[in-house]
Amino acid sequence: MTKSAFIPNFFKFYNILWDAALPFLKRHPRLAPTFDRRINPVHLQPADIWIQAASAGEAYLAVSIIKALKPDRPVTILLTTTTDQGMEILTQALSPKEFSPRISLGVDIFPFDSPKAMNIAVKTVNPAVMVLLETELWPAHLYALKKNHTTVLLINGRLSPKSSRNYRLTKALWRSFAPARILAISTGDAKRFSQVFSHTPVDTMNNIKFDRMTVQNTIGKASALAAIVSRELPLSIFASFRRQEETQIIDMIKTLLEKVPNQIIALFPRHMQRIEPFLKKLNKNGLKGHKGSQISSVLTGPAIILWDKFGDLHQAYSHARVVFVGGSLAPLGGQNFMEPAGLGIPTIIGPHWQDFVWVGKEIFNTGTVTRCRNRQHAVETMCRYLVKSGNQKARIDAVSHYILQKQGGAQTAADTIWASWEANKP
């Protein structure tokens, strides 16, 4: 097969795969309501700039970028997302008062990457600039944009070592419709992108996620947990731990109670469906747990609470003496440890934090977040803070300074997008 024939033949095969998959996707409960719009996107509106925010995380990035854009002339922007949660964020978090009146903004669902659908979508929108957030690379989408002579920017780019290996195996394909420019969130991500897109300029930028971070100087805000936890006892929180870590978490709880028996432990599993199974595990190991929803009065003595209501974790952090954040004892990528850290609460994680390395190793120098070698090291560190919590104001100041140094990514993205549109507008 000659090089000139490779791309057309690839997309013929790709189209066949989509045609085979569509009947199954049509029956998917989450896709069925928007299926027709995803496969025949004639409803999309023309736009100068098209920003694709795949899901919730990318939707928040898009919101930050739109708020940072300060165009000196009218511009039409289309925001698309792949998920219902992303759609909810884009429609609720962007009121007209929060962005420039020169921006005409539309929000819609992102089409399937079927070559037929993407050709319709790109022809209909006809953007001068396409903005992809993080790692939103779809071959039919990129190919249609290339044929349309649209300038493609990859903003806040991240590429894990595992994904990088997969992309490198097919880099001949990706190189055929590479982005015009990539702004990666770290030197490691930039290097991995360069290995895939060797002819694309790749630079680094501050992660836009830092722009959304705030440090709170007040603690102990009213919360459901505060209503049942006595201030006389220290509170330890185990947050966002996963099924694969449950045995280790139970061992940590046993050690914690042996060394500091006079405390309350609040458990927040990452997935609510693990409440009942984990409660049974606690009981089997001689640890009596109580569901938070079943406690109606203030606990005056030591207790283990298994929290079974959504949306209370962030407020609960402000009452804690120490927090352990899960997803980090097993190789699961970690969970967001910056929320309790931003409150100046001593925050402990395990050795695995791959999904949050963008925060930077320097965060461990603030004295607020401690990365531990294993569960024994983690529980020893928790005990130390339970006995002597240290200076919370100093921790808040250190984390605040760290975050402020890392902010500005949204403005960098906005400036890059606007400059690209100025250079490529019709």
Protein backbone atom coordinates (compact mmCIF):
# COMPACT_ATOMS: atom_id res chain seq x y z
CA MET A 1 0.00 0.00 0.00
CA THR A 2 1.48 3.35 -0.95
CA LYS A 3 1.66 6.19 1.52
CA SER A 4 -0.88 8.22 -0.47
CA ALA A 5 -3.39 5.37 -0.28
CA PHE A 6 -2.87 4.59 3.42
CA ILE A 7 -5.05 7.35 4.87
CA PRO A 8 -8.10 6.87 2.59
CA ASN A 9 -7.95 3.10 3.09
CA PHE A 10 -7.62 3.49 6.85
CA PHE A 11 -10.76 5.60 6.98
CA LYS A 12 -12.70 3.16 4.81
CA PHE A 13 -11.90 0.48 7.40
CA TYR A 14 -12.59 2.91 10.27
CA ASN A 15 -15.98 3.71 8.78
CA ILE A 16 -16.84 0.00 8.59
CA LEU A 17 -16.02 -0.34 12.30
CA TRP A 18 -18.32 2.55 13.17
CA ASP A 19 -21.14 1.19 11.03
CA ALA A 20 -20.86 -2.08 12.94
CA ALA A 21 -20.76 -0.36 16.34
CA LEU A 22 -23.59 2.14 15.88
CA PRO A 23 -26.52 -0.29 16.39
CA PHE A 24 -25.05 -1.23 19.79
CA LEU A 25 -24.37 2.39 20.75
CA LYS A 26 -27.95 3.30 19.87
CA ARG A 27 -29.18 0.95 22.61
CA HIS A 28 -26.83 2.33 25.24
CA PRO A 29 -29.00 4.03 27.90
CA ARG A 30 -26.73 7.05 28.27
CA LEU A 31 -26.25 7.56 24.53
CA ALA A 32 -29.75 6.81 23.28
CA PRO A 33 -31.27 10.25 24.08
CA THR A 34 -28.60 12.08 22.02
CA PHE A 35 -27.81 9.33 19.51
CA ASP A 36 -29.38 11.03 16.48
CA ARG A 37 -27.57 14.30 17.23
CA ARG A 38 -24.25 12.50 17.59
CA ILE A 39 -24.52 10.62 14.30
CA ASN A 40 -26.06 13.38 12.18
CA PRO A 41 -24.76 16.67 13.64
CA VAL A 42 -26.47 19.04 11.20
CA HIS A 43 -27.80 20.95 14.24
CA LEU A 44 -24.36 22.34 15.07
CA GLN A 45 -23.96 26.08 14.55
CA PRO A 46 -21.10 27.77 12.65
CA ALA A 47 -18.34 29.14 14.89
CA ASP A 48 -15.01 30.93 14.61
CA ILE A 49 -13.53 28.86 17.43
CA TRP A 50 -14.59 25.35 18.44
CA ILE A 51 -13.54 24.03 21.87
CA GLN A 52 -14.03 20.35 22.69
CA ALA A 53 -14.26 19.46 26.39
CA ALA A 54 -14.68 15.68 26.61
CA SER A 55 -16.10 15.28 30.12
CA ALA A 56 -16.44 17.00 33.48
CA GLY A 57 -12.76 17.75 34.06
CA GLU A 58 -12.23 19.25 30.61
CA ALA A 59 -15.53 21.15 30.86
CA TYR A 60 -14.22 23.01 33.90
CA LEU A 61 -11.06 23.85 31.95
CA ALA A 62 -13.18 25.23 29.10
CA VAL A 63 -15.14 27.38 31.55
CA SER A 64 -11.88 28.88 32.87
CA ILE A 65 -10.66 29.62 29.34
CA ILE A 66 -13.90 31.33 28.27
CA LYS A 67 -13.80 33.53 31.38
CA ALA A 68 -10.18 34.48 30.62
CA LEU A 69 -10.85 35.41 26.97
CA LYS A 70 -11.06 39.16 26.43
CA PRO A 71 -11.59 39.61 22.66
CA ASP A 72 -11.37 43.07 21.15
CA ARG A 73 -14.00 42.23 18.52
CA PRO A 74 -17.02 39.92 18.22
CA VAL A 75 -16.25 36.20 18.03
CA THR A 76 -18.44 33.10 17.90
CA ILE A 77 -17.38 30.13 20.02
CA LEU A 78 -18.83 26.62 20.08
CA LEU A 79 -18.27 24.47 23.18
CA THR A 80 -18.92 20.76 22.80
CA THR A 81 -18.74 17.88 25.25
CA THR A 82 -19.11 14.12 25.08
CA THR A 83 -20.98 13.46 28.34
CA ASP A 84 -24.17 14.56 30.08
CA GLN A 85 -22.10 15.71 33.07
CA GLY A 86 -19.93 17.84 30.80
CA MET A 87 -23.04 19.37 29.24
CA GLU A 88 -24.45 20.18 32.68
CA ILE A 89 -21.24 21.96 33.70
CA LEU A 90 -20.97 23.99 30.50
CA THR A 91 -24.57 25.14 30.63
CA GLN A 92 -24.70 25.92 34.35
CA ALA A 93 -21.22 27.30 35.05
CA LEU A 94 -21.19 29.90 32.26
CA SER A 95 -23.68 32.70 32.73
CA PRO A 96 -23.46 35.64 30.26
CA LYS A 97 -22.30 37.90 33.10
CA GLU A 98 -19.15 35.81 33.53
CA PHE A 99 -17.65 36.20 30.05
CA SER A 100 -17.07 38.98 27.53
CA PRO A 101 -20.17 40.41 25.80
CA ARG A 102 -18.19 40.18 22.55
CA ILE A 103 -18.36 36.37 22.77
CA SER A 104 -21.34 34.66 21.17
CA LEU A 105 -21.38 31.27 22.88
CA GLY A 106 -23.03 27.99 21.91
CA VAL A 107 -22.98 24.64 23.78
CA ASP A 108 -23.71 21.31 22.12
CA ILE A 109 -22.98 17.59 22.10
CA PHE A 110 -19.83 16.27 20.43
CA PRO A 111 -20.52 13.91 17.49
CA PHE A 112 -19.36 10.33 17.21
CA ASP A 113 -15.98 10.03 15.48
CA SER A 114 -17.58 8.30 12.51
CA PRO A 115 -15.97 9.76 9.37
CA LYS A 116 -19.42 10.47 7.95
CA ALA A 117 -20.54 12.32 11.08
CA MET A 118 -17.30 14.24 11.48
CA ASN A 119 -17.27 15.44 7.88
CA ILE A 120 -20.76 16.86 8.44
CA ALA A 121 -19.77 18.40 11.78
CA VAL A 122 -16.63 20.15 10.59
CA LYS A 123 -18.26 21.36 7.37
CA THR A 124 -21.20 22.75 9.38
CA VAL A 125 -19.17 24.47 12.10
CA ASN A 126 -16.32 25.49 9.74
CA PRO A 127 -14.05 26.77 12.54
CA ALA A 128 -10.89 28.74 11.90
CA VAL A 129 -9.45 27.36 15.14
CA MET A 130 -10.15 24.03 16.89
CA VAL A 131 -9.14 23.69 20.55
CA LEU A 132 -8.66 20.23 22.03
CA LEU A 133 -8.24 19.90 25.80
CA GLU A 134 -5.87 17.44 27.48
CA THR A 135 -5.77 14.36 25.16
CA GLU A 136 -8.85 14.63 22.96
CA LEU A 137 -7.47 13.00 19.80
CA TRP A 138 -9.92 11.40 17.39
CA PRO A 139 -8.67 10.40 13.91
CA ALA A 140 -11.79 11.22 11.85
CA HIS A 141 -12.19 14.55 13.63
CA LEU A 142 -8.57 15.54 13.04
CA TYR A 143 -8.69 14.40 9.41
CA ALA A 144 -11.85 16.42 8.72
CA LEU A 145 -10.26 19.48 10.34
CA LYS A 146 -7.13 19.06 8.22
CA LYS A 147 -9.20 18.91 5.02
CA ASN A 148 -11.04 22.02 6.21
CA HIS A 149 -7.70 23.87 6.75
CA THR A 150 -8.63 24.46 10.41
CA THR A 151 -5.80 25.31 12.81
CA VAL A 152 -5.78 22.74 15.63
CA LEU A 153 -4.43 23.56 19.10
CA LEU A 154 -3.98 21.02 21.88
CA ILE A 155 -4.21 22.92 25.18
CA ASN A 156 -3.43 21.76 28.73
CA GLY A 157 -2.08 18.63 27.09
CA ARG A 158 -1.28 15.53 29.08
CA LEU A 159 -0.14 12.15 27.82
CA SER A 160 0.58 9.26 30.17
CA PRO A 161 3.50 6.91 29.48
CA LYS A 162 1.05 4.09 28.72
CA SER A 163 -0.96 6.17 26.24
CA SER A 164 2.24 7.49 24.72
CA ARG A 165 3.39 3.96 23.90
CA ASN A 166 0.09 3.25 22.16
CA TYR A 167 0.22 6.46 20.14
CA ARG A 168 3.83 5.85 19.12
CA LEU A 169 2.84 2.50 17.64
CA THR A 170 0.55 4.35 15.21
CA LYS A 171 2.42 7.65 14.95
CA ALA A 172 2.55 7.44 11.14
CA LEU A 173 -1.23 7.85 11.21
CA TRP A 174 -1.31 10.65 13.79
CA ARG A 175 1.51 12.56 12.14
CA SER A 176 -0.65 12.91 9.00
CA PHE A 177 -3.03 15.28 10.80
CA ALA A 178 -0.98 16.56 13.74
CA PRO A 179 -2.08 19.65 15.72
CA ALA A 180 -0.47 22.94 14.73
CA ARG A 181 0.71 23.52 18.30
CA ILE A 182 0.68 21.68 21.63
CA LEU A 183 0.87 23.24 25.10
CA ALA A 184 1.60 20.48 27.62
CA ILE A 185 1.28 20.69 31.40
CA SER A 186 4.76 19.32 32.18
CA THR A 187 8.12 18.67 30.56
CA GLY A 188 7.41 14.92 30.72
CA ASP A 189 4.11 15.32 28.88
CA ALA A 190 5.78 17.62 26.36
CA LYS A 191 8.48 15.03 25.66
CA ARG A 192 5.91 12.29 25.13
CA PHE A 193 3.87 14.45 22.75
CA SER A 194 7.04 15.26 20.79
CA GLN A 195 7.70 11.55 20.34
CA VAL A 196 4.31 11.18 18.66
CA PHE A 197 4.14 14.53 16.83
CA SER A 198 7.79 15.09 15.98
CA HIS A 199 7.14 18.04 13.64
CA THR A 200 4.71 19.90 15.90
CA PRO A 201 5.90 22.74 18.16
CA VAL A 202 5.41 21.57 21.75
CA ASP A 203 5.71 23.96 24.71
CA THR A 204 4.72 23.81 28.37
CA MET A 205 2.13 25.79 30.31
CA ASN A 206 0.77 25.93 33.85
CA ASN A 207 -2.09 23.50 34.35
CA ILE A 208 -5.42 25.33 34.15
CA LYS A 209 -6.64 23.21 37.06
CA PHE A 210 -4.55 25.41 39.39
CA ASP A 211 -6.67 28.43 38.35
CA ARG A 212 -9.69 26.74 39.90
CA MET A 213 -7.95 26.04 43.21
CA THR A 214 -8.59 28.21 46.23
CA VAL A 215 -7.12 28.16 49.70
CA GLN A 216 -9.58 28.62 52.57
CA ASN A 217 -8.49 30.41 55.71
CA THR A 218 -11.59 29.42 57.68
CA ILE A 219 -12.25 25.98 59.04
CA GLY A 220 -15.07 24.15 60.68
CA LYS A 221 -17.88 25.30 58.39
CA ALA A 222 -21.30 23.85 59.05
CA SER A 223 -21.65 20.38 57.62
CA ALA A 224 -23.59 17.17 58.16
CA LEU A 225 -20.50 15.62 59.73
CA ALA A 226 -20.07 18.52 62.16
CA ALA A 227 -23.55 17.87 63.49
CA ILE A 228 -22.56 14.45 64.83
CA VAL A 229 -18.83 14.80 65.59
CA SER A 230 -17.74 16.24 68.90
CA ARG A 231 -15.02 18.89 68.80
CA GLU A 232 -13.53 17.23 71.89
CA LEU A 233 -12.21 14.31 69.82
CA PRO A 234 -9.75 14.44 66.91
CA LEU A 235 -11.18 13.39 63.55
CA SER A 236 -9.30 11.23 61.04
CA ILE A 237 -10.69 10.97 57.51
CA PHE A 238 -10.01 8.23 54.98
CA ALA A 239 -11.13 9.72 51.66
CA SER A 240 -11.82 8.31 48.20
CA PHE A 241 -10.31 4.88 48.84
CA ARG A 242 -11.07 2.12 46.35
CA ARG A 243 -12.06 -1.54 46.57
CA GLN A 244 -8.48 -2.69 45.86
CA GLU A 245 -7.29 -0.80 48.97
CA GLU A 246 -9.95 -1.86 51.45
CA THR A 247 -7.90 -4.56 53.20
CA GLN A 248 -5.01 -2.14 53.69
CA ILE A 249 -7.39 0.58 54.92
CA ILE A 250 -8.78 -1.80 57.56
CA ASP A 251 -5.24 -2.63 58.72
CA MET A 252 -4.52 1.11 58.97
CA ILE A 253 -7.68 1.70 61.01
CA LYS A 254 -6.69 -1.06 63.46
CA THR A 255 -3.22 0.41 63.95
CA LEU A 256 -4.60 3.94 64.23
CA LEU A 257 -7.02 2.92 67.00
CA GLU A 258 -4.32 0.98 68.83
CA LYS A 259 -2.00 3.98 68.93
CA VAL A 260 -4.61 6.76 69.29
CA PRO A 261 -7.81 5.10 70.60
CA ASN A 262 -9.58 8.32 71.60
CA GLN A 263 -10.61 9.56 68.14
CA ILE A 264 -13.36 9.47 65.52
CA ILE A 265 -12.63 7.94 62.11
CA ALA A 266 -14.77 8.93 59.12
CA LEU A 267 -14.62 6.75 56.00
CA PHE A 268 -15.57 8.05 52.55
CA PRO A 269 -15.26 5.28 49.91
CA ARG A 270 -14.72 6.46 46.34
CA HIS A 271 -17.77 4.52 45.13
CA MET A 272 -21.03 4.48 47.07
CA GLN A 273 -21.82 0.90 46.06
CA ARG A 274 -18.97 -0.21 48.32
CA ILE A 275 -20.72 1.05 51.48
CA GLU A 276 -22.49 -2.20 52.37
CA PRO A 277 -19.63 -4.58 51.41
CA PHE A 278 -17.11 -2.46 53.31
CA LEU A 279 -19.36 -2.26 56.37
CA LYS A 280 -19.45 -6.07 56.39
CA LYS A 281 -15.64 -6.17 56.13
CA LEU A 282 -15.32 -3.82 59.10
CA ASN A 283 -17.61 -5.98 61.22
CA LYS A 284 -15.82 -9.15 60.15
CA ASN A 285 -12.55 -7.62 61.35
CA GLY A 286 -13.98 -6.68 64.74
CA LEU A 287 -14.46 -3.02 63.88
CA LYS A 288 -17.94 -1.69 64.52
CA GLY A 289 -18.89 0.85 61.89
CA HIS A 290 -21.92 3.15 61.79
CA LYS A 291 -23.53 4.62 58.68
CA GLY A 292 -23.56 8.39 58.86
CA SER A 293 -27.22 8.53 57.85
CA GLN A 294 -28.16 6.43 60.88
CA ILE A 295 -26.50 8.68 63.49
CA SER A 296 -28.91 11.28 64.88
CA SER A 297 -27.01 12.74 67.84
CA VAL A 298 -23.52 13.98 68.65
CA LEU A 299 -20.97 11.23 69.20
CA THR A 300 -19.34 11.75 72.58
CA GLY A 301 -16.87 8.87 72.32
CA PRO A 302 -14.63 7.14 69.78
CA ALA A 303 -16.42 5.80 66.71
CA ILE A 304 -16.03 4.68 63.11
CA ILE A 305 -18.40 6.40 60.69
CA LEU A 306 -18.98 5.08 57.19
CA TRP A 307 -20.32 8.08 55.29
CA ASP A 308 -23.15 7.13 52.94
CA LYS A 309 -24.30 10.47 51.51
CA PHE A 310 -23.05 12.25 48.38
CA GLY A 311 -21.44 15.66 48.31
CA ASP A 312 -20.28 16.01 51.92
CA LEU A 313 -16.59 15.18 51.65
CA HIS A 314 -15.20 18.65 50.94
CA GLN A 315 -17.01 20.23 53.90
CA ALA A 316 -16.02 17.31 56.10
CA TYR A 317 -12.32 17.98 55.40
CA SER A 318 -12.44 21.25 57.34
CA HIS A 319 -13.18 19.34 60.58
CA ALA A 320 -10.35 16.83 60.25
CA ARG A 321 -7.13 16.66 62.22
CA VAL A 322 -5.56 14.50 59.50
CA VAL A 323 -6.69 13.09 56.12
CA PHE A 324 -5.61 10.07 54.14
CA VAL A 325 -6.53 10.24 50.43
CA GLY A 326 -6.93 6.89 48.70
CA GLY A 327 -6.41 5.62 45.19
CA SER A 328 -2.77 5.78 46.21
CA LEU A 329 -2.01 2.57 48.15
CA ALA A 330 -2.58 0.47 45.02
CA PRO A 331 -1.49 1.54 41.51
CA LEU A 332 -4.78 3.33 40.78
CA GLY A 333 -3.48 6.78 39.89
CA GLY A 334 -4.44 8.56 43.09
CA GLN A 335 -7.30 10.93 43.96
CA ASN A 336 -7.50 14.69 44.52
CA PHE A 337 -5.40 15.44 47.59
CA MET A 338 -5.31 19.20 46.97
CA GLU A 339 -8.78 19.79 48.46
CA PRO A 340 -7.80 18.97 52.06
CA ALA A 341 -4.34 20.44 51.49
CA GLY A 342 -5.95 23.73 50.49
CA LEU A 343 -7.54 23.85 53.94
CA GLY A 344 -4.17 23.39 55.62
CA ILE A 345 -5.16 19.92 56.84
CA PRO A 346 -2.24 17.46 57.07
CA THR A 347 -2.83 15.26 54.03
CA ILE A 348 -1.34 11.80 53.56
CA ILE A 349 -1.15 9.80 50.33
CA GLY A 350 0.40 6.48 49.38
CA PRO A 351 3.16 5.90 46.82
CA HIS A 352 0.88 5.98 43.74
CA TRP A 353 -0.20 9.41 42.46
CA GLN A 354 0.32 9.18 38.69
CA ASP A 355 -2.91 11.02 37.82
CA PHE A 356 -1.84 13.99 39.94
CA VAL A 357 1.85 14.32 39.16
CA TRP A 358 0.90 17.56 37.38
CA VAL A 359 0.63 19.10 40.85
CA GLY A 360 4.42 18.82 41.10
CA LYS A 361 6.72 17.18 43.64
CA GLU A 362 7.36 20.56 45.25
CA ILE A 363 3.95 20.30 46.96
CA PHE A 364 5.59 17.91 49.42
CA ASN A 365 7.91 20.74 50.53
CA THR A 366 4.97 22.77 51.88
CA GLY A 367 4.67 20.53 54.94
CA THR A 368 1.01 19.88 54.18
CA VAL A 369 1.06 16.84 51.85
CA THR A 370 3.12 13.77 52.70
CA ARG A 371 3.71 10.97 50.20
CA CYS A 372 4.30 7.71 52.08
CA ARG A 373 6.09 4.54 51.01
CA ASN A 374 3.39 2.11 52.19
CA ARG A 375 0.46 1.76 54.58
CA GLN A 376 2.73 1.39 57.64
CA HIS A 377 4.50 4.65 56.83
CA ALA A 378 1.12 6.31 56.14
CA VAL A 379 -0.47 5.31 59.45
CA GLU A 380 2.66 6.32 61.41
CA THR A 381 2.46 9.76 59.80
CA MET A 382 -1.24 10.04 60.61
CA CYS A 383 -0.57 9.19 64.24
CA ARG A 384 2.11 11.85 64.44
CA TYR A 385 -0.33 14.55 63.30
CA LEU A 386 -3.07 13.26 65.61
CA VAL A 387 -0.73 13.71 68.57
CA LYS A 388 0.72 17.03 67.41
CA SER A 389 -1.11 18.76 64.56
CA GLY A 390 1.35 21.62 64.06
CA ASN A 391 0.70 25.12 62.69
CA GLN A 392 -2.30 25.10 60.38
CA LYS A 393 -1.94 28.76 59.36
CA ALA A 394 1.64 28.12 58.23
CA ARG A 395 0.43 25.20 56.12
CA ILE A 396 -2.34 27.31 54.57
CA ASP A 397 0.15 30.06 53.72
CA ALA A 398 2.59 27.58 52.18
CA VAL A 399 -0.05 25.90 50.00
CA SER A 400 -1.53 29.27 49.01
CA HIS A 401 1.88 30.50 47.88
CA TYR A 402 2.45 27.27 45.95
CA ILE A 403 -0.89 27.48 44.13
CA LEU A 404 -0.47 31.16 43.25
CA GLN A 405 2.88 30.38 41.62
CA LYS A 406 1.21 27.73 39.46
CA GLN A 407 -1.78 29.78 38.30
CA GLY A 408 -2.16 31.62 35.00
CA GLY A 409 -2.74 28.65 32.70
CA ALA A 410 -6.21 29.81 31.66
CA GLN A 411 -4.85 33.17 30.55
CA THR A 412 -2.01 31.50 28.63
CA ALA A 413 -4.57 29.30 26.87
CA ALA A 414 -6.86 32.26 26.12
CA ASP A 415 -3.99 34.34 24.70
CA THR A 416 -2.78 31.43 22.54
CA ILE A 417 -6.27 30.73 21.18
CA TRP A 418 -6.94 34.38 20.40
CA ALA A 419 -3.57 34.88 18.69
CA SER A 420 -4.21 31.79 16.59
CA TRP A 421 -7.65 33.03 15.56
CA GLU A 422 -6.26 36.44 14.68
CA ALA A 423 -3.67 34.75 12.46
CA ASN A 424 -6.11 32.36 10.81
CA LYS A 425 -9.46 34.13 10.66
CA PRO A 426 -11.05 34.19 7.19
